[in-house]
Amino acid sequence: MTFSLKSILAASVLAFGLTSVAQAADVKLRSGEMLSDKPTFVVTYIEAAAGTADRVSALIKAHTAASKKKKGNMRFEGLQRIIRGNHFLILEAWASSEDRAANAGSAETIAFRNALEPHLYAPFDERPHVGLVAAKPGSIARGNSSTIYVVTHADIIPPEQFAPCKRQINPAGPCGNEMLIGIAKASRKHAGNMRFDVLTQSNRSNHMSVVEMWDSAASQAAHQVHADKKKFRNELSGIAPAGGVNSNAQFVPNMLTGSLWDERRFRLISN
């Protein structure tokens, strides 16, 4: 089933905060209502063979320059993973899904993918998204060499997206979607934050990408241990917000996610 985010909802995120948006998103997603694909976001994971990072980086830089000239492009960033230099990520924002599709089918993009293919050890993993909690792409500051990007794939187990969520300490919530919207709201207030968006995949509303930008490594590190973040991580594990370590060594946390909370840090190579 395909989901998207209505433009009026996106406007509410920016103008009035996220509490009412969380409630509106809950109602829309529960009912299966389409959320607007304007803008359309794309998150692409690229894993290249060892020794090919320089070549892949050059291809991504050229692809960025070409794509930014295309109709409807709002943002295009090439990133390189900090601890594994042969891992890359591309973040895109397009005015509509039609603009994104036109670029994906263009001669330049096809040539980029063909040139990239010999260097890959895993498939080109391109995931279209719409915004659950997303700032207007044009309002987000441009990254630079000091910017730390963090991208996390969040796979909320469908029954745990909305209240009641049986794995949570309090079944009334907060549950998966509300927790993600809440951490976005809180994190945008943390020192050094430049972007904190929650994007939901166009074809799977319970699969999301959390996209962060921080002005420095120090700001991102401080955010990691902030009380808001620690509370969120505990709740996502289905344990008491201040729990941290389970008192019962035999107790396995009732994760609300179907995957690890795998935060991947990147630096900018092209925008």
Protein backbone atom coordinates (compact mmCIF):
# COMPACT_ATOMS: atom_id res chain seq x y z
CA MET A 1 0.00 0.00 0.00
CA THR A 2 1.34 3.45 -0.92
CA PHE A 3 1.28 6.37 1.49
CA SER A 4 2.20 10.05 1.06
CA LEU A 5 1.93 13.27 3.12
CA LYS A 6 -0.63 16.05 2.36
CA SER A 7 0.97 19.40 1.77
CA ILE A 8 -1.26 20.99 4.39
CA LEU A 9 0.19 18.56 6.91
CA ALA A 10 3.73 19.53 5.94
CA ALA A 11 2.84 23.17 6.38
CA SER A 12 1.47 22.43 9.83
CA VAL A 13 4.80 20.87 10.83
CA LEU A 14 6.65 24.08 10.11
CA ALA A 15 4.11 26.59 11.37
CA PHE A 16 2.52 25.07 14.44
CA GLY A 17 4.88 22.41 15.81
CA LEU A 18 4.47 18.67 15.74
CA THR A 19 1.95 17.67 18.42
CA SER A 20 -1.14 18.28 16.29
CA VAL A 21 0.71 16.84 13.31
CA ALA A 22 1.31 13.60 15.17
CA GLN A 23 -2.42 13.30 15.77
CA ALA A 24 -3.26 14.15 12.17
CA ALA A 25 -0.71 11.68 10.79
CA ASP A 26 -2.09 9.00 13.10
CA VAL A 27 -5.58 9.47 11.70
CA LYS A 28 -4.42 9.61 8.07
CA LEU A 29 -2.16 6.58 8.21
CA ARG A 30 -4.67 4.51 10.17
CA SER A 31 -7.29 5.16 7.49
CA GLY A 32 -4.88 4.49 4.64
CA GLU A 33 -5.22 8.02 3.29
CA MET A 34 -2.57 9.07 0.81
CA LEU A 35 -0.02 11.58 2.10
CA SER A 36 1.31 14.06 -0.48
CA ASP A 37 4.36 13.21 -2.60
CA LYS A 38 5.09 16.92 -3.04
CA PRO A 39 7.93 17.04 -2.29
CA THR A 40 9.27 13.55 -2.98
CA PHE A 41 12.39 12.49 -1.07
CA VAL A 42 14.83 9.76 -2.13
CA VAL A 43 17.39 8.00 0.06
CA THR A 44 19.86 5.80 -1.82
CA TYR A 45 22.44 3.50 -0.21
CA ILE A 46 25.56 2.67 -2.24
CA GLU A 47 28.08 0.07 -1.06
CA ALA A 48 31.19 -0.14 -3.22
CA ALA A 49 34.06 -2.58 -3.31
CA ALA A 50 37.18 -1.77 -1.31
CA GLY A 51 39.62 0.33 -3.29
CA THR A 52 36.96 1.96 -5.48
CA ALA A 53 35.90 4.76 -3.13
CA ASP A 54 37.68 7.54 -5.07
CA ARG A 55 36.14 6.46 -8.37
CA VAL A 56 32.65 6.15 -6.86
CA SER A 57 33.00 9.50 -5.14
CA ALA A 58 33.85 11.14 -8.48
CA LEU A 59 30.82 9.52 -10.14
CA ILE A 60 28.52 10.76 -7.37
CA LYS A 61 29.91 14.29 -7.63
CA ALA A 62 29.27 14.37 -11.38
CA HIS A 63 25.79 12.90 -10.91
CA THR A 64 25.00 15.54 -8.29
CA ALA A 65 26.01 18.36 -10.62
CA ALA A 66 23.87 16.98 -13.45
CA SER A 67 20.81 16.23 -11.30
CA LYS A 68 20.74 19.66 -9.65
CA LYS A 69 20.10 21.18 -13.08
CA LYS A 70 16.99 19.10 -13.68
CA LYS A 71 13.44 20.41 -13.50
CA GLY A 72 11.94 20.14 -10.03
CA ASN A 73 15.12 19.43 -8.12
CA MET A 74 15.01 20.98 -4.66
CA ARG A 75 18.02 19.32 -3.03
CA PHE A 76 20.68 16.78 -4.02
CA GLU A 77 23.50 15.70 -1.69
CA GLY A 78 26.18 13.04 -2.01
CA LEU A 79 27.53 11.68 1.27
CA GLN A 80 30.38 9.37 2.27
CA ARG A 81 30.23 7.27 5.41
CA ILE A 82 32.67 8.30 8.12
CA ILE A 83 33.82 4.91 9.37
CA ARG A 84 33.50 2.98 6.09
CA GLY A 85 34.68 5.13 3.23
CA ASN A 86 33.38 2.71 0.59
CA HIS A 87 29.79 3.31 1.76
CA PHE A 88 27.92 6.24 0.23
CA LEU A 89 24.47 7.74 0.41
CA ILE A 90 22.53 10.12 -1.84
CA LEU A 91 19.80 12.37 -0.44
CA GLU A 92 17.39 13.90 -2.95
CA ALA A 93 14.33 16.14 -2.77
CA TRP A 94 12.09 16.78 -5.79
CA ALA A 95 9.06 19.01 -6.23
CA SER A 96 6.98 15.99 -7.27
CA SER A 97 7.22 12.26 -7.93
CA GLU A 98 6.95 13.03 -11.66
CA ASP A 99 10.06 15.23 -11.53
CA ARG A 100 11.91 12.53 -9.64
CA ALA A 101 10.83 9.87 -12.18
CA ALA A 102 11.96 12.05 -15.09
CA ASN A 103 15.43 12.36 -13.60
CA ALA A 104 15.61 8.66 -12.77
CA GLY A 105 14.88 7.81 -16.41
CA SER A 106 17.20 10.41 -17.91
CA ALA A 107 20.21 9.52 -20.02
CA GLU A 108 22.54 11.07 -17.43
CA THR A 109 21.16 8.97 -14.58
CA ILE A 110 21.22 5.77 -16.61
CA ALA A 111 24.85 6.47 -17.55
CA PHE A 112 25.67 7.10 -13.87
CA ARG A 113 24.17 3.78 -12.80
CA ASN A 114 25.88 1.87 -15.59
CA ALA A 115 29.25 3.37 -14.63
CA LEU A 116 28.62 2.65 -10.95
CA GLU A 117 27.55 -0.98 -11.38
CA PRO A 118 31.04 -2.58 -11.78
CA HIS A 119 32.11 -1.10 -8.42
CA LEU A 120 29.17 -2.30 -6.33
CA TYR A 121 29.14 -5.34 -4.05
CA ALA A 122 25.49 -4.80 -3.08
CA PRO A 123 22.50 -3.63 -5.14
CA PHE A 124 21.87 0.06 -5.75
CA ASP A 125 19.34 0.57 -2.93
CA GLU A 126 17.07 3.50 -3.88
CA ARG A 127 14.13 4.25 -1.58
CA PRO A 128 11.52 6.93 -2.46
CA HIS A 129 9.91 8.62 0.54
CA VAL A 130 7.37 11.22 1.52
CA GLY A 131 7.64 13.44 4.57
CA LEU A 132 6.10 12.41 7.86
CA VAL A 133 7.93 15.26 9.62
CA ALA A 134 9.94 17.18 7.05
CA ALA A 135 11.11 20.78 6.78
CA LYS A 136 10.77 22.47 3.40
CA PRO A 137 13.92 21.44 1.50
CA GLY A 138 14.72 25.04 0.61
CA SER A 139 14.64 26.09 4.26
CA ILE A 140 17.43 23.70 5.28
CA ALA A 141 20.93 25.15 5.40
CA ARG A 142 23.53 23.81 2.98
CA GLY A 143 25.98 21.38 4.49
CA ASN A 144 29.75 21.88 4.46
CA SER A 145 32.89 19.97 5.40
CA SER A 146 32.09 20.26 9.12
CA THR A 147 28.50 19.03 8.86
CA ILE A 148 27.70 15.61 10.30
CA TYR A 149 24.85 13.82 8.56
CA VAL A 150 23.13 10.90 10.29
CA VAL A 151 20.69 8.61 8.48
CA THR A 152 18.84 5.83 10.30
CA HIS A 153 16.45 3.27 8.89
CA ALA A 154 13.49 2.81 11.25
CA ASP A 155 11.30 -0.25 10.74
CA ILE A 156 8.34 0.12 13.11
CA ILE A 157 6.43 -3.13 13.59
CA PRO A 158 2.95 -2.34 12.14
CA PRO A 159 0.92 -3.13 15.29
CA GLU A 160 3.25 -0.84 17.25
CA GLN A 161 2.83 2.24 15.07
CA PHE A 162 -0.32 3.48 16.78
CA ALA A 163 -1.92 3.11 20.20
CA PRO A 164 -2.56 0.69 21.67
CA CYS A 165 0.97 -0.71 21.27
CA LYS A 166 1.33 -3.93 23.25
CA ARG A 167 5.13 -3.90 23.46
CA GLN A 168 5.26 -0.51 25.15
CA ILE A 169 5.28 -0.19 28.93
CA ASN A 170 2.07 1.85 28.63
CA PRO A 171 -0.07 0.44 25.78
CA ALA A 172 -1.71 3.87 25.41
CA GLY A 173 1.58 5.19 24.12
CA PRO A 174 3.54 6.91 22.96
CA CYS A 175 3.78 4.36 20.16
CA GLY A 176 6.09 4.15 17.15
CA ASN A 177 4.93 7.03 14.95
CA GLU A 178 4.32 9.36 17.87
CA MET A 179 7.77 8.58 19.29
CA LEU A 180 9.49 9.40 16.00
CA ILE A 181 7.59 12.66 15.62
CA GLY A 182 8.37 13.49 19.24
CA ILE A 183 12.11 12.94 18.90
CA ALA A 184 12.12 15.12 15.77
CA LYS A 185 10.36 17.90 17.65
CA ALA A 186 12.78 17.67 20.58
CA SER A 187 15.97 17.26 18.53
CA ARG A 188 15.32 20.32 16.39
CA LYS A 189 15.80 22.33 19.59
CA HIS A 190 19.15 20.73 20.47
CA ALA A 191 22.28 22.84 20.05
CA GLY A 192 23.82 22.56 16.59
CA ASN A 193 20.89 20.88 14.86
CA MET A 194 20.43 21.84 11.20
CA ARG A 195 17.88 19.22 10.14
CA PHE A 196 15.89 16.46 11.79
CA ASP A 197 13.33 14.90 9.44
CA VAL A 198 11.37 11.67 9.55
CA LEU A 199 10.58 10.35 6.07
CA THR A 200 8.27 7.42 5.43
CA GLN A 201 8.81 5.10 2.46
CA SER A 202 6.33 5.59 -0.33
CA ASN A 203 5.49 1.89 -0.56
CA ARG A 204 5.70 0.94 3.14
CA SER A 205 4.41 3.42 5.67
CA ASN A 206 6.06 1.59 8.60
CA HIS A 207 9.55 1.84 7.04
CA MET A 208 11.11 5.24 7.65
CA SER A 209 14.36 7.12 7.22
CA VAL A 210 15.42 9.56 9.93
CA VAL A 211 17.65 12.22 8.37
CA GLU A 212 19.74 14.48 10.61
CA MET A 213 22.25 17.27 10.04
CA TRP A 214 24.50 18.70 12.77
CA ASP A 215 26.89 21.63 12.55
CA SER A 216 29.75 19.66 14.10
CA ALA A 217 30.76 16.27 15.46
CA ALA A 218 30.62 17.73 18.97
CA SER A 219 26.97 18.78 18.55
CA GLN A 220 26.01 15.36 17.23
CA ALA A 221 27.82 13.64 20.08
CA ALA A 222 26.06 15.82 22.66
CA HIS A 223 22.71 14.99 21.08
CA GLN A 224 23.46 11.28 21.40
CA VAL A 225 23.50 11.45 25.21
CA HIS A 226 20.80 14.09 25.62
CA ALA A 227 17.98 13.07 27.98
CA ASP A 228 15.46 13.35 25.12
CA LYS A 229 17.43 10.90 22.99
CA LYS A 230 18.04 8.41 25.79
CA LYS A 231 14.33 8.43 26.70
CA PHE A 232 13.42 7.83 23.06
CA ARG A 233 15.82 4.90 22.72
CA ASN A 234 14.48 3.28 25.88
CA GLU A 235 10.86 3.68 24.80
CA LEU A 236 11.68 2.30 21.35
CA SER A 237 13.00 -0.80 23.12
CA GLY A 238 9.75 -1.20 25.04
CA ILE A 239 11.33 -0.56 28.42
CA ALA A 240 10.78 2.15 31.02
CA PRO A 241 11.97 5.57 29.78
CA ALA A 242 14.62 5.81 32.52
CA GLY A 243 15.41 2.08 32.48
CA GLY A 244 18.55 1.79 30.37
CA VAL A 245 19.60 -1.62 31.69
CA ASN A 246 16.95 -4.23 32.46
CA SER A 247 16.88 -5.37 36.07
CA ASN A 248 16.02 -8.89 34.93
CA ALA A 249 18.99 -10.26 33.02
CA GLN A 250 16.72 -12.80 31.30
CA PHE A 251 14.36 -10.13 29.98
CA VAL A 252 14.63 -9.39 26.28
CA PRO A 253 13.45 -5.85 25.42
CA ASN A 254 10.20 -5.74 23.49
CA MET A 255 11.54 -3.69 20.58
CA LEU A 256 8.93 -1.72 18.68
CA THR A 257 11.14 -1.98 15.61
CA GLY A 258 11.88 -4.88 13.31
CA SER A 259 15.49 -3.78 12.85
CA LEU A 260 18.36 -2.35 14.84
CA TRP A 261 18.39 1.42 15.35
CA ASP A 262 21.42 1.63 13.06
CA GLU A 263 22.63 5.23 12.97
CA ARG A 264 25.05 5.84 10.12
CA ARG A 265 27.20 8.96 10.14
CA PHE A 266 28.29 10.66 6.90
CA ARG A 267 30.17 13.67 5.62
CA LEU A 268 29.24 15.74 2.58
CA ILE A 269 31.06 15.19 -0.72
CA SER A 270 28.70 17.03 -3.09
CA ASN A 271 25.70 19.35 -3.02
